[in-house]
Amino acid sequence: MTKNSYLCAMNKREKLIKRFRTLPRDFTFEEVVSLFQGYGFELENKGATSGSRIKFYHSVDQIAYIMHKPHPSNIVKGYMMRDILNFLIKNHYIE
Protein backbone atom coordinates (compact mmCIF):
# COMPACT_ATOMS: atom_id res chain seq x y z
CA MET A 1 0.00 0.00 0.00
CA THR A 2 1.43 3.36 -0.99
CA LYS A 3 1.49 6.29 1.39
CA ASN A 4 -1.23 8.11 -0.59
CA SER A 5 -3.55 5.11 -0.67
CA TYR A 6 -2.95 4.57 3.07
CA LEU A 7 -3.87 8.21 3.78
CA CYS A 8 -6.95 7.91 1.57
CA ALA A 9 -8.05 4.76 3.42
CA MET A 10 -7.49 6.46 6.79
CA ASN A 11 -9.45 9.47 5.59
CA LYS A 12 -12.39 7.28 4.54
CA ARG A 13 -12.26 5.37 7.84
CA GLU A 14 -12.11 8.59 9.88
CA LYS A 15 -15.04 10.03 7.91
CA LEU A 16 -17.03 6.85 8.47
CA ILE A 17 -16.34 6.94 12.24
CA LYS A 18 -17.21 10.63 12.43
CA ARG A 19 -20.47 10.00 10.55
CA PHE A 20 -21.30 6.99 12.75
CA ARG A 21 -20.77 8.96 15.98
CA THR A 22 -23.58 11.33 14.95
CA LEU A 23 -25.94 8.31 14.84
CA PRO A 24 -27.44 9.22 11.46
CA ARG A 25 -30.83 7.85 10.49
CA ASP A 26 -29.56 6.63 7.10
CA PHE A 27 -26.56 4.50 8.18
CA THR A 28 -26.55 1.30 6.11
CA PHE A 29 -25.65 -2.26 7.03
CA GLU A 30 -22.69 -2.09 4.59
CA GLU A 31 -21.38 0.92 6.52
CA VAL A 32 -21.67 -1.06 9.79
CA VAL A 33 -19.68 -3.89 8.18
CA SER A 34 -17.00 -1.41 7.06
CA LEU A 35 -16.92 0.15 10.52
CA PHE A 36 -16.36 -3.17 12.28
CA GLN A 37 -13.84 -4.37 9.68
CA GLY A 38 -11.91 -1.14 10.18
CA TYR A 39 -11.36 -2.21 13.79
CA GLY A 40 -10.23 -5.71 12.80
CA PHE A 41 -13.52 -7.59 13.18
CA GLU A 42 -14.52 -10.34 10.76
CA LEU A 43 -18.09 -10.88 9.62
CA GLU A 44 -19.39 -14.39 10.30
CA ASN A 45 -22.73 -15.95 9.52
CA LYS A 46 -24.12 -17.66 12.62
CA GLY A 47 -25.01 -20.81 10.65
CA ALA A 48 -27.70 -22.18 8.36
CA THR A 49 -30.45 -21.77 10.94
CA SER A 50 -29.43 -18.32 12.11
CA GLY A 51 -31.79 -16.42 9.83
CA SER A 52 -30.63 -12.81 9.67
CA ARG A 53 -28.31 -13.09 12.68
CA ILE A 54 -24.66 -12.29 12.00
CA LYS A 55 -21.59 -11.99 14.19
CA PHE A 56 -18.66 -9.62 14.09
CA TYR A 57 -15.73 -11.42 15.69
CA HIS A 58 -12.34 -9.99 16.69
CA SER A 59 -9.92 -12.93 16.87
CA VAL A 60 -7.11 -11.01 18.61
CA ASP A 61 -9.29 -9.48 21.35
CA GLN A 62 -11.56 -12.56 21.53
CA ILE A 63 -14.78 -10.54 21.54
CA ALA A 64 -17.88 -10.64 19.38
CA TYR A 65 -20.88 -8.52 18.57
CA ILE A 66 -24.04 -10.27 17.38
CA MET A 67 -26.84 -8.47 15.57
CA HIS A 68 -29.59 -9.03 13.03
CA LYS A 69 -29.28 -7.72 9.50
CA PRO A 70 -31.84 -4.99 8.99
CA HIS A 71 -34.76 -5.89 6.74
CA PRO A 72 -36.67 -5.22 4.62
CA SER A 73 -34.69 -1.96 4.43
CA ASN A 74 -30.89 -1.88 4.58
CA ILE A 75 -30.93 1.02 7.09
CA VAL A 76 -29.82 0.23 10.65
CA LYS A 77 -32.34 1.22 13.33
CA GLY A 78 -31.51 3.93 15.87
CA TYR A 79 -31.54 1.62 18.89
CA MET A 80 -29.07 -0.70 17.14
CA MET A 81 -26.81 2.25 16.26
CA ARG A 82 -26.71 3.28 19.93
CA ASP A 83 -26.02 -0.33 20.96
CA ILE A 84 -23.12 -0.63 18.51
CA LEU A 85 -21.69 2.71 19.67
CA ASN A 86 -21.90 1.62 23.32
CA PHE A 87 -20.22 -1.71 22.46
CA LEU A 88 -17.34 0.04 20.65
CA ILE A 89 -16.88 2.55 23.48
CA LYS A 90 -17.06 -0.10 26.21
CA ASN A 91 -14.39 -2.17 24.43
CA HIS A 92 -12.16 0.88 23.83
CA TYR A 93 -12.39 1.02 20.03
CA ILE A 94 -13.99 4.47 20.11
CA GLU A 95 -13.19 7.10 22.73
C-alpha atoms as a PDB file:
ATOM      1  CA  MET A   1       0.000   0.000   0.000  1.00  0.00           C
ATOM      2  CA  THR A   2       1.433   3.356  -0.990  1.00  0.00           C
ATOM      3  CA  LYS A   3       1.491   6.288   1.388  1.00  0.00           C
ATOM      4  CA  ASN A   4      -1.229   8.114  -0.590  1.00  0.00           C
ATOM      5  CA  SER A   5      -3.551   5.113  -0.671  1.00  0.00           C
ATOM      6  CA  TYR A   6      -2.951   4.568   3.067  1.00  0.00           C
ATOM      7  CA  LEU A   7      -3.868   8.210   3.776  1.00  0.00           C
ATOM      8  CA  CYS A   8      -6.946   7.912   1.572  1.00  0.00           C
ATOM      9  CA  ALA A   9      -8.045   4.761   3.423  1.00  0.00           C
ATOM     10  CA  MET A  10      -7.486   6.464   6.785  1.00  0.00           C
ATOM     11  CA  ASN A  11      -9.449   9.471   5.590  1.00  0.00           C
ATOM     12  CA  LYS A  12     -12.391   7.278   4.538  1.00  0.00           C
ATOM     13  CA  ARG A  13     -12.264   5.375   7.839  1.00  0.00           C
ATOM     14  CA  GLU A  14     -12.106   8.588   9.878  1.00  0.00           C
ATOM     15  CA  LYS A  15     -15.042  10.034   7.909  1.00  0.00           C
ATOM     16  CA  LEU A  16     -17.033   6.852   8.474  1.00  0.00           C
ATOM     17  CA  ILE A  17     -16.341   6.939  12.236  1.00  0.00           C
ATOM     18  CA  LYS A  18     -17.212  10.630  12.432  1.00  0.00           C
ATOM     19  CA  ARG A  19     -20.469  10.004  10.552  1.00  0.00           C
ATOM     20  CA  PHE A  20     -21.296   6.991  12.747  1.00  0.00           C
ATOM     21  CA  ARG A  21     -20.774   8.956  15.981  1.00  0.00           C
ATOM     22  CA  THR A  22     -23.576  11.331  14.950  1.00  0.00           C
ATOM     23  CA  LEU A  23     -25.942   8.306  14.843  1.00  0.00           C
ATOM     24  CA  PRO A  24     -27.435   9.220  11.457  1.00  0.00           C
ATOM     25  CA  ARG A  25     -30.830   7.847  10.491  1.00  0.00           C
ATOM     26  CA  ASP A  26     -29.564   6.627   7.102  1.00  0.00           C
ATOM     27  CA  PHE A  27     -26.565   4.500   8.183  1.00  0.00           C
ATOM     28  CA  THR A  28     -26.546   1.299   6.115  1.00  0.00           C
ATOM     29  CA  PHE A  29     -25.648  -2.260   7.030  1.00  0.00           C
ATOM     30  CA  GLU A  30     -22.694  -2.088   4.592  1.00  0.00           C
ATOM     31  CA  GLU A  31     -21.382   0.920   6.522  1.00  0.00           C
ATOM     32  CA  VAL A  32     -21.670  -1.060   9.786  1.00  0.00           C
ATOM     33  CA  VAL A  33     -19.676  -3.891   8.180  1.00  0.00           C
ATOM     34  CA  SER A  34     -16.996  -1.408   7.061  1.00  0.00           C
ATOM     35  CA  LEU A  35     -16.923   0.154  10.520  1.00  0.00           C
ATOM     36  CA  PHE A  36     -16.361  -3.172  12.284  1.00  0.00           C
ATOM     37  CA  GLN A  37     -13.835  -4.366   9.681  1.00  0.00           C
ATOM     38  CA  GLY A  38     -11.910  -1.137  10.183  1.00  0.00           C
ATOM     39  CA  TYR A  39     -11.362  -2.207  13.792  1.00  0.00           C
ATOM     40  CA  GLY A  40     -10.229  -5.711  12.796  1.00  0.00           C
ATOM     41  CA  PHE A  41     -13.521  -7.588  13.182  1.00  0.00           C
ATOM     42  CA  GLU A  42     -14.518 -10.336  10.755  1.00  0.00           C
ATOM     43  CA  LEU A  43     -18.091 -10.879   9.623  1.00  0.00           C
ATOM     44  CA  GLU A  44     -19.393 -14.393  10.305  1.00  0.00           C
ATOM     45  CA  ASN A  45     -22.735 -15.946   9.518  1.00  0.00           C
ATOM     46  CA  LYS A  46     -24.122 -17.660  12.620  1.00  0.00           C
ATOM     47  CA  GLY A  47     -25.014 -20.810  10.645  1.00  0.00           C
ATOM     48  CA  ALA A  48     -27.696 -22.183   8.362  1.00  0.00           C
ATOM     49  CA  THR A  49     -30.455 -21.767  10.938  1.00  0.00           C
ATOM     50  CA  SER A  50     -29.430 -18.315  12.109  1.00  0.00           C
ATOM     51  CA  GLY A  51     -31.788 -16.421   9.829  1.00  0.00           C
ATOM     52  CA  SER A  52     -30.630 -12.815   9.672  1.00  0.00           C
ATOM     53  CA  ARG A  53     -28.311 -13.093  12.680  1.00  0.00           C
ATOM     54  CA  ILE A  54     -24.658 -12.295  12.004  1.00  0.00           C
ATOM     55  CA  LYS A  55     -21.593 -11.993  14.192  1.00  0.00           C
ATOM     56  CA  PHE A  56     -18.656  -9.617  14.087  1.00  0.00           C
ATOM     57  CA  TYR A  57     -15.726 -11.419  15.693  1.00  0.00           C
ATOM     58  CA  HIS A  58     -12.336  -9.990  16.693  1.00  0.00           C
ATOM     59  CA  SER A  59      -9.925 -12.927  16.874  1.00  0.00           C
ATOM     60  CA  VAL A  60      -7.111 -11.006  18.610  1.00  0.00           C
ATOM     61  CA  ASP A  61      -9.287  -9.481  21.350  1.00  0.00           C
ATOM     62  CA  GLN A  62     -11.562 -12.559  21.534  1.00  0.00           C
ATOM     63  CA  ILE A  63     -14.781 -10.538  21.539  1.00  0.00           C
ATOM     64  CA  ALA A  64     -17.878 -10.644  19.379  1.00  0.00           C
ATOM     65  CA  TYR A  65     -20.884  -8.518  18.568  1.00  0.00           C
ATOM     66  CA  ILE A  66     -24.045 -10.270  17.380  1.00  0.00           C
ATOM     67  CA  MET A  67     -26.838  -8.473  15.570  1.00  0.00           C
ATOM     68  CA  HIS A  68     -29.590  -9.029  13.028  1.00  0.00           C
ATOM     69  CA  LYS A  69     -29.277  -7.724   9.495  1.00  0.00           C
ATOM     70  CA  PRO A  70     -31.840  -4.987   8.986  1.00  0.00           C
ATOM     71  CA  HIS A  71     -34.763  -5.894   6.739  1.00  0.00           C
ATOM     72  CA  PRO A  72     -36.672  -5.216   4.617  1.00  0.00           C
ATOM     73  CA  SER A  73     -34.689  -1.958   4.426  1.00  0.00           C
ATOM     74  CA  ASN A  74     -30.890  -1.877   4.576  1.00  0.00           C
ATOM     75  CA  ILE A  75     -30.928   1.017   7.090  1.00  0.00           C
ATOM     76  CA  VAL A  76     -29.820   0.232  10.654  1.00  0.00           C
ATOM     77  CA  LYS A  77     -32.345   1.216  13.334  1.00  0.00           C
ATOM     78  CA  GLY A  78     -31.514   3.932  15.869  1.00  0.00           C
ATOM     79  CA  TYR A  79     -31.538   1.618  18.890  1.00  0.00           C
ATOM     80  CA  MET A  80     -29.071  -0.700  17.139  1.00  0.00           C
ATOM     81  CA  MET A  81     -26.809   2.247  16.256  1.00  0.00           C
ATOM     82  CA  ARG A  82     -26.710   3.276  19.934  1.00  0.00           C
ATOM     83  CA  ASP A  83     -26.025  -0.331  20.963  1.00  0.00           C
ATOM     84  CA  ILE A  84     -23.118  -0.626  18.505  1.00  0.00           C
ATOM     85  CA  LEU A  85     -21.691   2.714  19.671  1.00  0.00           C
ATOM     86  CA  ASN A  86     -21.896   1.618  23.321  1.00  0.00           C
ATOM     87  CA  PHE A  87     -20.219  -1.707  22.458  1.00  0.00           C
ATOM     88  CA  LEU A  88     -17.339   0.041  20.651  1.00  0.00           C
ATOM     89  CA  ILE A  89     -16.881   2.555  23.483  1.00  0.00           C
ATOM     90  CA  LYS A  90     -17.061  -0.104  26.207  1.00  0.00           C
ATOM     91  CA  ASN A  91     -14.391  -2.167  24.430  1.00  0.00           C
ATOM     92  CA  HIS A  92     -12.161   0.879  23.829  1.00  0.00           C
ATOM     93  CA  TYR A  93     -12.393   1.017  20.028  1.00  0.00           C
ATOM     94  CA  ILE A  94     -13.988   4.471  20.113  1.00  0.00           C
ATOM     95  CA  GLU A  95     -13.192   7.097  22.725  1.00  0.00           C
END
